[in-house]
N, C-alpha and C. Protein backbone atom coordinates (compact mmCIF):
# COMPACT_ATOMS: atom_id res chain seq x y z
N MET A 1 -21.37 14.62 7.24
CA MET A 1 -20.43 15.50 6.59
C MET A 1 -19.23 15.78 7.50
N ARG A 2 -19.47 15.94 8.79
CA ARG A 2 -18.37 16.21 9.72
C ARG A 2 -17.38 15.06 9.75
N LYS A 3 -17.88 13.82 9.66
CA LYS A 3 -16.98 12.67 9.68
C LYS A 3 -16.07 12.69 8.46
N LEU A 4 -16.63 13.05 7.30
CA LEU A 4 -15.83 13.12 6.08
C LEU A 4 -14.75 14.18 6.20
N ILE A 5 -15.07 15.32 6.74
CA ILE A 5 -14.09 16.39 6.91
C ILE A 5 -13.00 15.95 7.89
N ALA A 6 -13.39 15.35 8.99
CA ALA A 6 -12.40 14.87 9.97
C ALA A 6 -11.51 13.81 9.34
N PHE A 7 -12.10 12.89 8.57
CA PHE A 7 -11.32 11.85 7.91
C PHE A 7 -10.35 12.48 6.91
N ALA A 8 -10.79 13.49 6.19
CA ALA A 8 -9.93 14.15 5.21
C ALA A 8 -8.75 14.82 5.90
N LEU A 9 -8.98 15.43 7.04
CA LEU A 9 -7.88 16.06 7.77
C LEU A 9 -6.89 15.02 8.27
N VAL A 10 -7.40 13.92 8.79
CA VAL A 10 -6.51 12.86 9.28
C VAL A 10 -5.75 12.23 8.12
N ALA A 11 -6.43 11.94 7.03
CA ALA A 11 -5.79 11.30 5.88
C ALA A 11 -4.73 12.23 5.28
N GLY A 12 -4.96 13.52 5.30
CA GLY A 12 -4.02 14.45 4.72
C GLY A 12 -2.79 14.70 5.56
N CYS A 13 -2.85 14.44 6.85
CA CYS A 13 -1.75 14.76 7.75
C CYS A 13 -1.01 13.53 8.28
N THR A 14 -1.43 12.37 7.92
CA THR A 14 -0.87 11.16 8.49
C THR A 14 -0.26 10.29 7.40
N GLN A 15 0.86 9.67 7.72
CA GLN A 15 1.47 8.73 6.80
C GLN A 15 0.95 7.34 7.15
N MET A 16 0.83 6.50 6.13
CA MET A 16 0.33 5.15 6.35
C MET A 16 1.27 4.34 7.24
N SER A 17 2.56 4.63 7.17
CA SER A 17 3.51 3.89 8.00
C SER A 17 3.27 4.15 9.49
N ASP A 18 2.53 5.21 9.83
CA ASP A 18 2.16 5.46 11.22
C ASP A 18 1.19 4.39 11.71
N TYR A 19 0.41 3.81 10.81
CA TYR A 19 -0.57 2.79 11.17
C TYR A 19 0.03 1.39 11.16
N TYR A 20 1.08 1.19 10.40
CA TYR A 20 1.72 -0.12 10.27
C TYR A 20 3.14 -0.03 10.81
N GLN A 21 3.31 -0.34 12.08
CA GLN A 21 4.60 -0.18 12.73
C GLN A 21 5.68 -1.07 12.13
N ASP A 22 5.28 -2.19 11.51
CA ASP A 22 6.24 -3.11 10.93
C ASP A 22 6.52 -2.81 9.46
N ALA A 23 6.04 -1.68 8.97
CA ALA A 23 6.20 -1.33 7.55
C ALA A 23 7.60 -0.83 7.24
N GLU A 24 8.04 -1.16 6.04
CA GLU A 24 9.27 -0.59 5.49
C GLU A 24 8.85 0.40 4.41
N LEU A 25 9.66 1.43 4.21
CA LEU A 25 9.39 2.42 3.19
C LEU A 25 10.34 2.22 2.02
N VAL A 26 9.81 2.43 0.81
CA VAL A 26 10.61 2.28 -0.39
C VAL A 26 10.11 3.30 -1.42
N GLU A 27 11.02 3.80 -2.23
CA GLU A 27 10.64 4.76 -3.27
C GLU A 27 10.47 4.03 -4.59
N VAL A 28 9.37 4.29 -5.24
CA VAL A 28 9.07 3.73 -6.57
C VAL A 28 8.62 4.88 -7.45
N SER A 29 9.33 5.10 -8.53
CA SER A 29 8.99 6.16 -9.49
C SER A 29 8.82 7.51 -8.80
N GLY A 30 9.71 7.83 -7.86
CA GLY A 30 9.70 9.13 -7.22
C GLY A 30 8.66 9.30 -6.12
N ARG A 31 7.99 8.22 -5.75
CA ARG A 31 6.96 8.30 -4.72
C ARG A 31 7.26 7.26 -3.64
N VAL A 32 7.00 7.59 -2.37
CA VAL A 32 7.30 6.69 -1.27
C VAL A 32 6.10 5.79 -0.98
N PHE A 33 6.39 4.48 -0.87
CA PHE A 33 5.37 3.48 -0.58
C PHE A 33 5.72 2.76 0.71
N PHE A 34 4.69 2.30 1.44
CA PHE A 34 4.91 1.46 2.61
C PHE A 34 4.67 0.02 2.20
N VAL A 35 5.40 -0.89 2.81
CA VAL A 35 5.21 -2.33 2.59
C VAL A 35 5.25 -2.98 3.96
N ALA A 36 4.18 -3.70 4.30
CA ALA A 36 4.08 -4.34 5.61
C ALA A 36 3.76 -5.82 5.44
N PRO A 37 4.47 -6.68 6.16
CA PRO A 37 4.16 -8.12 6.11
C PRO A 37 2.78 -8.37 6.73
N ARG A 38 2.05 -9.28 6.15
CA ARG A 38 0.72 -9.64 6.63
C ARG A 38 0.60 -11.16 6.71
N PRO A 39 1.39 -11.81 7.59
CA PRO A 39 1.37 -13.27 7.68
C PRO A 39 0.01 -13.83 8.08
N GLN A 40 -0.81 -13.03 8.75
CA GLN A 40 -2.14 -13.50 9.13
C GLN A 40 -3.03 -13.72 7.89
N ASN A 41 -2.63 -13.14 6.75
CA ASN A 41 -3.37 -13.33 5.51
C ASN A 41 -2.83 -14.50 4.68
N GLY A 42 -1.75 -15.10 5.12
CA GLY A 42 -1.17 -16.23 4.41
C GLY A 42 0.34 -16.11 4.38
N PRO A 43 1.02 -17.21 4.03
CA PRO A 43 2.48 -17.17 3.99
C PRO A 43 2.99 -16.25 2.88
N GLY A 44 3.94 -15.41 3.24
CA GLY A 44 4.55 -14.52 2.26
C GLY A 44 3.67 -13.40 1.76
N VAL A 45 2.60 -13.06 2.50
CA VAL A 45 1.68 -12.00 2.06
C VAL A 45 2.14 -10.65 2.60
N TYR A 46 2.07 -9.65 1.75
CA TYR A 46 2.44 -8.27 2.10
C TYR A 46 1.34 -7.32 1.68
N LEU A 47 1.28 -6.20 2.37
CA LEU A 47 0.37 -5.10 2.05
C LEU A 47 1.22 -3.92 1.64
N ALA A 48 0.84 -3.25 0.55
CA ALA A 48 1.60 -2.08 0.09
C ALA A 48 0.65 -1.00 -0.39
N GLY A 49 1.14 0.23 -0.31
CA GLY A 49 0.37 1.37 -0.80
C GLY A 49 1.19 2.63 -0.66
N PRO A 50 0.70 3.73 -1.21
CA PRO A 50 1.41 5.00 -1.06
C PRO A 50 1.48 5.39 0.40
N ASN A 51 2.64 5.85 0.84
CA ASN A 51 2.79 6.22 2.25
C ASN A 51 1.98 7.46 2.58
N GLU A 52 1.79 8.33 1.62
CA GLU A 52 0.96 9.51 1.80
C GLU A 52 -0.05 9.56 0.66
N PRO A 53 -1.11 8.76 0.74
CA PRO A 53 -2.08 8.74 -0.35
C PRO A 53 -2.82 10.06 -0.45
N GLY A 54 -3.14 10.45 -1.67
CA GLY A 54 -3.97 11.63 -1.87
C GLY A 54 -5.39 11.32 -1.45
N LEU A 55 -6.15 12.33 -1.12
CA LEU A 55 -7.53 12.12 -0.67
C LEU A 55 -8.35 11.39 -1.72
N ASP A 56 -8.15 11.72 -3.00
CA ASP A 56 -8.92 11.04 -4.05
C ASP A 56 -8.58 9.55 -4.10
N GLU A 57 -7.33 9.18 -3.81
CA GLU A 57 -6.93 7.78 -3.79
C GLU A 57 -7.56 7.06 -2.60
N VAL A 58 -7.64 7.73 -1.47
CA VAL A 58 -8.22 7.12 -0.28
C VAL A 58 -9.71 6.87 -0.49
N LEU A 59 -10.39 7.84 -1.07
CA LEU A 59 -11.84 7.73 -1.21
C LEU A 59 -12.27 6.89 -2.40
N THR A 60 -11.52 6.94 -3.50
CA THR A 60 -11.98 6.25 -4.71
C THR A 60 -11.00 5.22 -5.25
N GLY A 61 -9.72 5.33 -4.91
CA GLY A 61 -8.73 4.39 -5.42
C GLY A 61 -8.61 4.42 -6.93
N ARG A 62 -8.80 5.57 -7.56
CA ARG A 62 -8.88 5.66 -9.02
C ARG A 62 -7.57 5.85 -9.75
N ASP A 63 -6.46 5.92 -9.06
CA ASP A 63 -5.18 6.04 -9.75
C ASP A 63 -4.84 4.67 -10.32
N MET A 64 -4.95 4.52 -11.62
CA MET A 64 -4.79 3.22 -12.26
C MET A 64 -3.35 2.71 -12.24
N THR A 65 -2.40 3.56 -11.87
CA THR A 65 -1.00 3.12 -11.81
C THR A 65 -0.63 2.56 -10.44
N LEU A 66 -1.49 2.76 -9.46
CA LEU A 66 -1.16 2.32 -8.10
C LEU A 66 -0.95 0.82 -7.95
N PRO A 67 -1.81 -0.03 -8.50
CA PRO A 67 -1.57 -1.47 -8.32
C PRO A 67 -0.20 -1.91 -8.81
N GLN A 68 0.22 -1.41 -9.95
CA GLN A 68 1.54 -1.77 -10.49
C GLN A 68 2.66 -1.24 -9.58
N ALA A 69 2.52 -0.03 -9.11
CA ALA A 69 3.53 0.55 -8.22
C ALA A 69 3.56 -0.17 -6.87
N ASN A 70 2.39 -0.58 -6.36
CA ASN A 70 2.34 -1.32 -5.11
C ASN A 70 3.07 -2.66 -5.24
N VAL A 71 2.86 -3.35 -6.36
CA VAL A 71 3.55 -4.62 -6.61
C VAL A 71 5.06 -4.38 -6.70
N ALA A 72 5.46 -3.33 -7.40
CA ALA A 72 6.89 -3.00 -7.51
C ALA A 72 7.49 -2.72 -6.13
N ALA A 73 6.73 -2.07 -5.26
CA ALA A 73 7.20 -1.77 -3.90
C ALA A 73 7.39 -3.06 -3.11
N ILE A 74 6.44 -3.99 -3.20
CA ILE A 74 6.57 -5.27 -2.50
C ILE A 74 7.80 -6.02 -2.99
N GLU A 75 8.00 -6.05 -4.30
CA GLU A 75 9.16 -6.75 -4.85
C GLU A 75 10.46 -6.08 -4.44
N ALA A 76 10.47 -4.76 -4.37
CA ALA A 76 11.69 -4.04 -3.98
C ALA A 76 12.06 -4.32 -2.52
N VAL A 77 11.08 -4.33 -1.65
CA VAL A 77 11.34 -4.55 -0.22
C VAL A 77 11.72 -5.99 0.06
N THR A 78 11.02 -6.93 -0.56
CA THR A 78 11.25 -8.35 -0.25
C THR A 78 12.38 -8.97 -1.05
N GLY A 79 12.69 -8.41 -2.21
CA GLY A 79 13.67 -9.03 -3.10
C GLY A 79 13.12 -10.28 -3.76
N CYS A 80 11.82 -10.47 -3.70
CA CYS A 80 11.15 -11.65 -4.26
C CYS A 80 10.16 -11.21 -5.33
N VAL A 81 9.67 -12.19 -6.07
CA VAL A 81 8.69 -11.93 -7.14
C VAL A 81 7.28 -12.12 -6.59
N VAL A 82 6.40 -11.17 -6.88
CA VAL A 82 4.99 -11.30 -6.49
C VAL A 82 4.33 -12.36 -7.36
N VAL A 83 3.57 -13.23 -6.71
CA VAL A 83 2.79 -14.24 -7.43
C VAL A 83 1.55 -13.54 -7.95
N ARG A 84 1.48 -13.34 -9.24
CA ARG A 84 0.42 -12.51 -9.85
C ARG A 84 -1.00 -12.97 -9.49
N GLU A 85 -1.18 -14.26 -9.31
CA GLU A 85 -2.52 -14.78 -8.99
C GLU A 85 -2.98 -14.38 -7.60
N THR A 86 -2.07 -13.89 -6.76
CA THR A 86 -2.43 -13.54 -5.38
C THR A 86 -2.71 -12.06 -5.20
N VAL A 87 -2.53 -11.26 -6.23
CA VAL A 87 -2.70 -9.81 -6.11
C VAL A 87 -4.17 -9.47 -5.88
N ARG A 88 -4.41 -8.73 -4.80
CA ARG A 88 -5.75 -8.24 -4.46
C ARG A 88 -5.66 -6.75 -4.20
N ASN A 89 -6.29 -5.96 -5.06
CA ASN A 89 -6.27 -4.51 -4.93
C ASN A 89 -7.50 -4.06 -4.15
N GLN A 90 -7.26 -3.15 -3.22
CA GLN A 90 -8.34 -2.62 -2.39
C GLN A 90 -8.11 -1.13 -2.23
N ASP A 91 -8.91 -0.33 -2.87
CA ASP A 91 -8.75 1.12 -2.87
C ASP A 91 -7.33 1.47 -3.31
N ALA A 92 -6.55 2.11 -2.47
CA ALA A 92 -5.18 2.53 -2.87
C ALA A 92 -4.12 1.52 -2.46
N THR A 93 -4.52 0.38 -1.88
CA THR A 93 -3.55 -0.59 -1.40
C THR A 93 -3.64 -1.90 -2.16
N THR A 94 -2.60 -2.72 -2.00
CA THR A 94 -2.54 -4.02 -2.66
C THR A 94 -2.01 -5.06 -1.67
N TYR A 95 -2.70 -6.19 -1.61
CA TYR A 95 -2.21 -7.37 -0.89
C TYR A 95 -1.68 -8.33 -1.94
N ALA A 96 -0.53 -8.95 -1.67
CA ALA A 96 0.02 -9.93 -2.59
C ALA A 96 1.01 -10.82 -1.86
N ALA A 97 1.13 -12.06 -2.34
CA ALA A 97 2.11 -13.00 -1.79
C ALA A 97 3.32 -13.03 -2.70
N VAL A 98 4.47 -13.33 -2.12
CA VAL A 98 5.69 -13.40 -2.89
C VAL A 98 6.22 -14.83 -2.94
N SER A 99 7.03 -15.08 -3.96
CA SER A 99 7.73 -16.36 -4.10
C SER A 99 9.21 -16.03 -4.22
N CYS A 100 10.02 -16.58 -3.30
CA CYS A 100 11.45 -16.28 -3.31
C CYS A 100 12.25 -17.44 -3.89
């Protein structure tokens, strides 16, 4: 239980861009998202998610609008189109490759 409380405090006070130094921030539908290149996952692959995820999103990833917003964030930062077949959602984040 103590680990969960400590994790909740860290998740509530930290922005995701603090963990991804190469991340760019972009606003989508009034919310700030981080987008970070992930070339180790393949050419043109990016990781995106809310820069300040809510605790429920971190623990359950149940916001059904997040995958679409994450893809929009990747497209906004890169100026390229996400290849839909490459989209992989994981909790509150999304990995996807782009085609320019």
